[in-house]
Amino acid sequence: MNEIPAGGLTLRALQAMIRQMYGQKDEARGDAATFLWLTEEFGELATALRAGSQEELALEMADVLAWLATLANIRGVDLEAAVWKKYGVACPGCGKVPCVCDPAEKP
């Protein structure tokens, strides 16, 4: 089994790991079918939130993240760069840390 790099597992490293393991299968499946798998994993995450153990919840969260990384790989999106661009400085809604947006609004 692979060890987590000393600096931790970055989003970029996760994408590379997923690409290495599943890249050919993912490309053959395409983005539409991959998105369906991602949505199925969200359903499994919802079930784990409602009635699962902490371990089941963690594993479903890992599945959602892995399928999101897969979709990003297929579409050529660098998730780490995208997250830094949108959230790296402050809340994209109010521009502050911590966020002071109205809780009823999506930032």
N, C-alpha and C. Protein backbone atom coordinates (compact mmCIF):
# COMPACT_ATOMS: atom_id res chain seq x y z
N MET A 1 0.83 -1.18 0.00
CA MET A 1 0.00 0.00 0.00
C MET A 1 0.88 1.25 0.00
N ASN A 2 0.44 2.27 -0.71
CA ASN A 2 1.20 3.51 -0.78
C ASN A 2 1.11 4.26 0.53
N GLU A 3 2.19 4.95 0.86
CA GLU A 3 2.21 5.79 2.05
C GLU A 3 1.87 7.21 1.65
N ILE A 4 1.25 7.92 2.58
CA ILE A 4 0.95 9.34 2.36
C ILE A 4 2.28 10.09 2.36
N PRO A 5 2.48 10.98 1.38
CA PRO A 5 3.73 11.75 1.33
C PRO A 5 3.95 12.53 2.63
N ALA A 6 5.20 12.81 2.96
CA ALA A 6 5.55 13.48 4.21
C ALA A 6 4.78 14.79 4.39
N GLY A 7 4.56 15.52 3.32
CA GLY A 7 3.85 16.79 3.42
C GLY A 7 2.34 16.64 3.43
N GLY A 8 1.84 15.43 3.40
CA GLY A 8 0.41 15.19 3.35
C GLY A 8 -0.04 14.91 1.92
N LEU A 9 -1.29 14.57 1.79
CA LEU A 9 -1.85 14.27 0.47
C LEU A 9 -2.53 15.52 -0.06
N THR A 10 -1.93 16.15 -1.04
CA THR A 10 -2.52 17.34 -1.64
C THR A 10 -3.60 16.93 -2.63
N LEU A 11 -4.43 17.87 -3.02
CA LEU A 11 -5.42 17.60 -4.05
C LEU A 11 -4.73 17.19 -5.35
N ARG A 12 -3.63 17.84 -5.67
CA ARG A 12 -2.89 17.51 -6.89
C ARG A 12 -2.36 16.09 -6.83
N ALA A 13 -1.84 15.69 -5.67
CA ALA A 13 -1.34 14.32 -5.52
C ALA A 13 -2.49 13.31 -5.59
N LEU A 14 -3.64 13.66 -5.02
CA LEU A 14 -4.80 12.78 -5.11
C LEU A 14 -5.21 12.58 -6.56
N GLN A 15 -5.28 13.67 -7.32
CA GLN A 15 -5.63 13.55 -8.73
C GLN A 15 -4.64 12.68 -9.48
N ALA A 16 -3.37 12.84 -9.19
CA ALA A 16 -2.34 12.03 -9.86
C ALA A 16 -2.49 10.56 -9.48
N MET A 17 -2.78 10.29 -8.21
CA MET A 17 -2.95 8.92 -7.75
C MET A 17 -4.15 8.27 -8.45
N ILE A 18 -5.27 8.99 -8.51
CA ILE A 18 -6.47 8.48 -9.16
C ILE A 18 -6.22 8.28 -10.66
N ARG A 19 -5.52 9.22 -11.30
CA ARG A 19 -5.20 9.11 -12.72
C ARG A 19 -4.36 7.89 -12.99
N GLN A 20 -3.36 7.64 -12.12
CA GLN A 20 -2.49 6.49 -12.30
C GLN A 20 -3.26 5.18 -12.14
N MET A 21 -4.15 5.12 -11.15
CA MET A 21 -4.91 3.89 -10.89
C MET A 21 -5.99 3.62 -11.93
N TYR A 22 -6.71 4.68 -12.33
CA TYR A 22 -7.93 4.49 -13.12
C TYR A 22 -8.00 5.30 -14.41
N GLY A 23 -6.95 6.00 -14.76
CA GLY A 23 -7.00 6.94 -15.88
C GLY A 23 -7.56 6.40 -17.18
N GLN A 24 -7.10 5.23 -17.61
CA GLN A 24 -7.58 4.69 -18.88
C GLN A 24 -9.07 4.34 -18.81
N LYS A 25 -9.48 3.71 -17.72
CA LYS A 25 -10.90 3.38 -17.55
C LYS A 25 -11.74 4.64 -17.50
N ASP A 26 -11.24 5.65 -16.79
CA ASP A 26 -12.00 6.90 -16.64
C ASP A 26 -12.18 7.60 -17.98
N GLU A 27 -11.12 7.67 -18.77
CA GLU A 27 -11.22 8.31 -20.08
C GLU A 27 -12.21 7.56 -20.97
N ALA A 28 -12.17 6.24 -20.92
CA ALA A 28 -13.09 5.44 -21.74
C ALA A 28 -14.54 5.63 -21.30
N ARG A 29 -14.76 5.80 -20.00
CA ARG A 29 -16.11 5.98 -19.47
C ARG A 29 -16.67 7.35 -19.85
N GLY A 30 -15.81 8.38 -19.79
CA GLY A 30 -16.22 9.73 -20.14
C GLY A 30 -16.84 10.49 -18.98
N ASP A 31 -17.06 11.78 -19.23
CA ASP A 31 -17.52 12.65 -18.15
C ASP A 31 -18.98 12.44 -17.76
N ALA A 32 -19.85 12.14 -18.70
CA ALA A 32 -21.28 11.97 -18.37
C ALA A 32 -21.48 10.77 -17.44
N ALA A 33 -20.90 9.63 -17.79
CA ALA A 33 -21.05 8.44 -16.95
C ALA A 33 -20.34 8.63 -15.61
N THR A 34 -19.21 9.32 -15.62
CA THR A 34 -18.49 9.58 -14.37
C THR A 34 -19.32 10.46 -13.46
N PHE A 35 -19.98 11.45 -14.02
CA PHE A 35 -20.84 12.31 -13.21
C PHE A 35 -21.96 11.50 -12.57
N LEU A 36 -22.50 10.53 -13.28
CA LEU A 36 -23.54 9.67 -12.69
C LEU A 36 -22.99 8.87 -11.52
N TRP A 37 -21.78 8.35 -11.64
CA TRP A 37 -21.16 7.64 -10.52
C TRP A 37 -20.96 8.59 -9.34
N LEU A 38 -20.53 9.82 -9.62
CA LEU A 38 -20.33 10.81 -8.55
C LEU A 38 -21.65 11.08 -7.82
N THR A 39 -22.74 11.24 -8.57
CA THR A 39 -24.02 11.50 -7.93
C THR A 39 -24.49 10.30 -7.11
N GLU A 40 -24.19 9.09 -7.58
CA GLU A 40 -24.52 7.90 -6.80
C GLU A 40 -23.76 7.90 -5.48
N GLU A 41 -22.50 8.32 -5.53
CA GLU A 41 -21.71 8.40 -4.29
C GLU A 41 -22.27 9.44 -3.34
N PHE A 42 -22.82 10.54 -3.86
CA PHE A 42 -23.46 11.52 -2.99
C PHE A 42 -24.65 10.90 -2.27
N GLY A 43 -25.39 10.04 -2.96
CA GLY A 43 -26.50 9.34 -2.32
C GLY A 43 -26.02 8.42 -1.21
N GLU A 44 -24.93 7.71 -1.46
CA GLU A 44 -24.37 6.84 -0.43
C GLU A 44 -23.85 7.65 0.75
N LEU A 45 -23.30 8.84 0.47
CA LEU A 45 -22.85 9.73 1.54
C LEU A 45 -24.05 10.20 2.37
N ALA A 46 -25.15 10.52 1.72
CA ALA A 46 -26.36 10.93 2.43
C ALA A 46 -26.84 9.82 3.36
N THR A 47 -26.81 8.60 2.89
CA THR A 47 -27.21 7.46 3.72
C THR A 47 -26.28 7.31 4.93
N ALA A 48 -24.98 7.46 4.71
CA ALA A 48 -24.01 7.36 5.80
C ALA A 48 -24.20 8.50 6.80
N LEU A 49 -24.52 9.70 6.33
CA LEU A 49 -24.78 10.82 7.24
C LEU A 49 -25.98 10.53 8.12
N ARG A 50 -26.98 9.93 7.53
CA ARG A 50 -28.22 9.67 8.24
C ARG A 50 -28.09 8.51 9.23
N ALA A 51 -27.43 7.44 8.82
CA ALA A 51 -27.48 6.24 9.67
C ALA A 51 -26.20 5.43 9.70
N GLY A 52 -25.12 5.94 9.17
CA GLY A 52 -23.90 5.15 9.11
C GLY A 52 -22.98 5.38 10.30
N SER A 53 -22.01 4.51 10.41
CA SER A 53 -20.98 4.67 11.43
C SER A 53 -20.00 5.76 10.98
N GLN A 54 -19.13 6.16 11.88
CA GLN A 54 -18.11 7.16 11.54
C GLN A 54 -17.20 6.63 10.43
N GLU A 55 -16.88 5.34 10.48
CA GLU A 55 -16.03 4.75 9.45
C GLU A 55 -16.73 4.75 8.09
N GLU A 56 -18.02 4.37 8.06
CA GLU A 56 -18.78 4.39 6.81
C GLU A 56 -18.86 5.81 6.24
N LEU A 57 -19.07 6.77 7.12
CA LEU A 57 -19.12 8.17 6.70
C LEU A 57 -17.80 8.60 6.08
N ALA A 58 -16.71 8.27 6.73
CA ALA A 58 -15.38 8.63 6.21
C ALA A 58 -15.12 7.99 4.85
N LEU A 59 -15.48 6.72 4.71
CA LEU A 59 -15.25 6.04 3.44
C LEU A 59 -16.11 6.61 2.32
N GLU A 60 -17.33 6.98 2.61
CA GLU A 60 -18.18 7.60 1.58
C GLU A 60 -17.66 8.97 1.20
N MET A 61 -17.15 9.73 2.17
CA MET A 61 -16.53 11.02 1.84
C MET A 61 -15.32 10.82 0.93
N ALA A 62 -14.54 9.79 1.22
CA ALA A 62 -13.39 9.48 0.36
C ALA A 62 -13.84 9.12 -1.05
N ASP A 63 -14.93 8.36 -1.16
CA ASP A 63 -15.45 8.01 -2.48
C ASP A 63 -15.88 9.24 -3.26
N VAL A 64 -16.59 10.15 -2.60
CA VAL A 64 -17.05 11.37 -3.27
C VAL A 64 -15.84 12.17 -3.77
N LEU A 65 -14.84 12.32 -2.92
CA LEU A 65 -13.64 13.07 -3.31
C LEU A 65 -12.92 12.38 -4.47
N ALA A 66 -12.83 11.05 -4.43
CA ALA A 66 -12.15 10.32 -5.51
C ALA A 66 -12.89 10.48 -6.84
N TRP A 67 -14.22 10.39 -6.82
CA TRP A 67 -14.99 10.54 -8.06
C TRP A 67 -14.94 11.98 -8.57
N LEU A 68 -14.86 12.96 -7.66
CA LEU A 68 -14.69 14.35 -8.09
C LEU A 68 -13.31 14.53 -8.74
N ALA A 69 -12.30 13.91 -8.16
CA ALA A 69 -10.96 13.97 -8.76
C ALA A 69 -10.95 13.31 -10.13
N THR A 70 -11.69 12.21 -10.26
CA THR A 70 -11.80 11.52 -11.55
C THR A 70 -12.42 12.44 -12.59
N LEU A 71 -13.51 13.08 -12.24
CA LEU A 71 -14.18 13.99 -13.17
C LEU A 71 -13.26 15.15 -13.55
N ALA A 72 -12.55 15.68 -12.57
CA ALA A 72 -11.59 16.75 -12.85
C ALA A 72 -10.50 16.28 -13.80
N ASN A 73 -10.01 15.07 -13.60
CA ASN A 73 -8.98 14.52 -14.50
C ASN A 73 -9.51 14.42 -15.92
N ILE A 74 -10.70 13.88 -16.06
CA ILE A 74 -11.28 13.72 -17.41
C ILE A 74 -11.42 15.07 -18.11
N ARG A 75 -11.83 16.10 -17.37
CA ARG A 75 -12.07 17.41 -17.96
C ARG A 75 -10.86 18.33 -17.93
N GLY A 76 -9.73 17.85 -17.41
CA GLY A 76 -8.51 18.64 -17.41
C GLY A 76 -8.50 19.79 -16.42
N VAL A 77 -9.16 19.62 -15.29
CA VAL A 77 -9.21 20.65 -14.25
C VAL A 77 -8.24 20.29 -13.14
N ASP A 78 -7.38 21.21 -12.78
CA ASP A 78 -6.46 21.06 -11.66
C ASP A 78 -7.23 21.52 -10.41
N LEU A 79 -7.73 20.56 -9.62
CA LEU A 79 -8.55 20.90 -8.47
C LEU A 79 -7.81 21.79 -7.47
N GLU A 80 -6.56 21.48 -7.22
CA GLU A 80 -5.80 22.27 -6.25
C GLU A 80 -5.73 23.73 -6.69
N ALA A 81 -5.42 23.97 -7.95
CA ALA A 81 -5.35 25.34 -8.45
C ALA A 81 -6.72 26.01 -8.40
N ALA A 82 -7.77 25.27 -8.72
CA ALA A 82 -9.13 25.84 -8.70
C ALA A 82 -9.55 26.23 -7.29
N VAL A 83 -9.23 25.37 -6.32
CA VAL A 83 -9.60 25.68 -4.92
C VAL A 83 -8.82 26.89 -4.43
N TRP A 84 -7.54 26.93 -4.73
CA TRP A 84 -6.74 28.10 -4.32
C TRP A 84 -7.25 29.38 -4.97
N LYS A 85 -7.60 29.29 -6.25
CA LYS A 85 -8.08 30.48 -6.95
C LYS A 85 -9.38 31.00 -6.33
N LYS A 86 -10.28 30.10 -5.97
CA LYS A 86 -11.58 30.52 -5.46
C LYS A 86 -11.56 30.81 -3.96
N TYR A 87 -10.87 30.00 -3.16
CA TYR A 87 -10.95 30.10 -1.71
C TYR A 87 -9.62 30.43 -1.02
N GLY A 88 -8.54 30.60 -1.77
CA GLY A 88 -7.21 30.74 -1.19
C GLY A 88 -6.95 32.00 -0.41
N VAL A 89 -7.69 33.06 -0.66
CA VAL A 89 -7.45 34.32 0.03
C VAL A 89 -8.50 34.56 1.11
N ALA A 90 -9.75 34.38 0.74
CA ALA A 90 -10.85 34.65 1.67
C ALA A 90 -12.14 34.10 1.06
N CYS A 91 -13.23 34.28 1.80
CA CYS A 91 -14.54 33.87 1.30
C CYS A 91 -14.80 34.57 -0.04
N PRO A 92 -15.19 33.82 -1.06
CA PRO A 92 -15.45 34.45 -2.36
C PRO A 92 -16.69 35.35 -2.34
N GLY A 93 -17.54 35.20 -1.34
CA GLY A 93 -18.74 36.03 -1.25
C GLY A 93 -18.47 37.38 -0.60
N CYS A 94 -17.93 37.36 0.63
CA CYS A 94 -17.75 38.59 1.39
C CYS A 94 -16.31 39.09 1.39
N GLY A 95 -15.37 38.24 0.98
CA GLY A 95 -13.97 38.63 0.96
C GLY A 95 -13.32 38.65 2.33
N LYS A 96 -13.91 37.99 3.31
CA LYS A 96 -13.38 38.01 4.68
C LYS A 96 -13.07 36.59 5.18
N VAL A 97 -12.18 36.55 6.21
CA VAL A 97 -11.87 35.34 6.94
C VAL A 97 -11.97 35.69 8.43
N PRO A 98 -12.86 35.11 9.19
CA PRO A 98 -13.87 34.16 8.77
C PRO A 98 -14.99 34.84 7.98
N CYS A 99 -15.73 34.03 7.28
CA CYS A 99 -16.84 34.51 6.45
C CYS A 99 -17.89 35.21 7.31
N VAL A 100 -18.39 36.35 6.79
CA VAL A 100 -19.47 37.07 7.47
C VAL A 100 -20.71 37.17 6.59
N CYS A 101 -20.77 36.32 5.58
CA CYS A 101 -21.96 36.29 4.71
C CYS A 101 -23.18 35.90 5.52
N ASP A 102 -24.33 36.35 5.09
CA ASP A 102 -25.60 35.93 5.69
C ASP A 102 -25.69 34.41 5.61
N PRO A 103 -25.93 33.73 6.75
CA PRO A 103 -26.00 32.26 6.73
C PRO A 103 -27.05 31.70 5.77
N ALA A 104 -28.04 32.49 5.42
CA ALA A 104 -29.08 32.03 4.48
C ALA A 104 -28.61 32.12 3.03
N GLU A 105 -27.49 32.78 2.80
CA GLU A 105 -26.97 32.95 1.45
C GLU A 105 -25.83 31.99 1.18
N LYS A 106 -25.70 31.56 -0.05
CA LYS A 106 -24.56 30.73 -0.45
C LYS A 106 -23.43 31.67 -0.85
N PRO A 107 -22.25 31.56 -0.18
CA PRO A 107 -21.16 32.47 -0.56
C PRO A 107 -20.59 32.18 -1.93
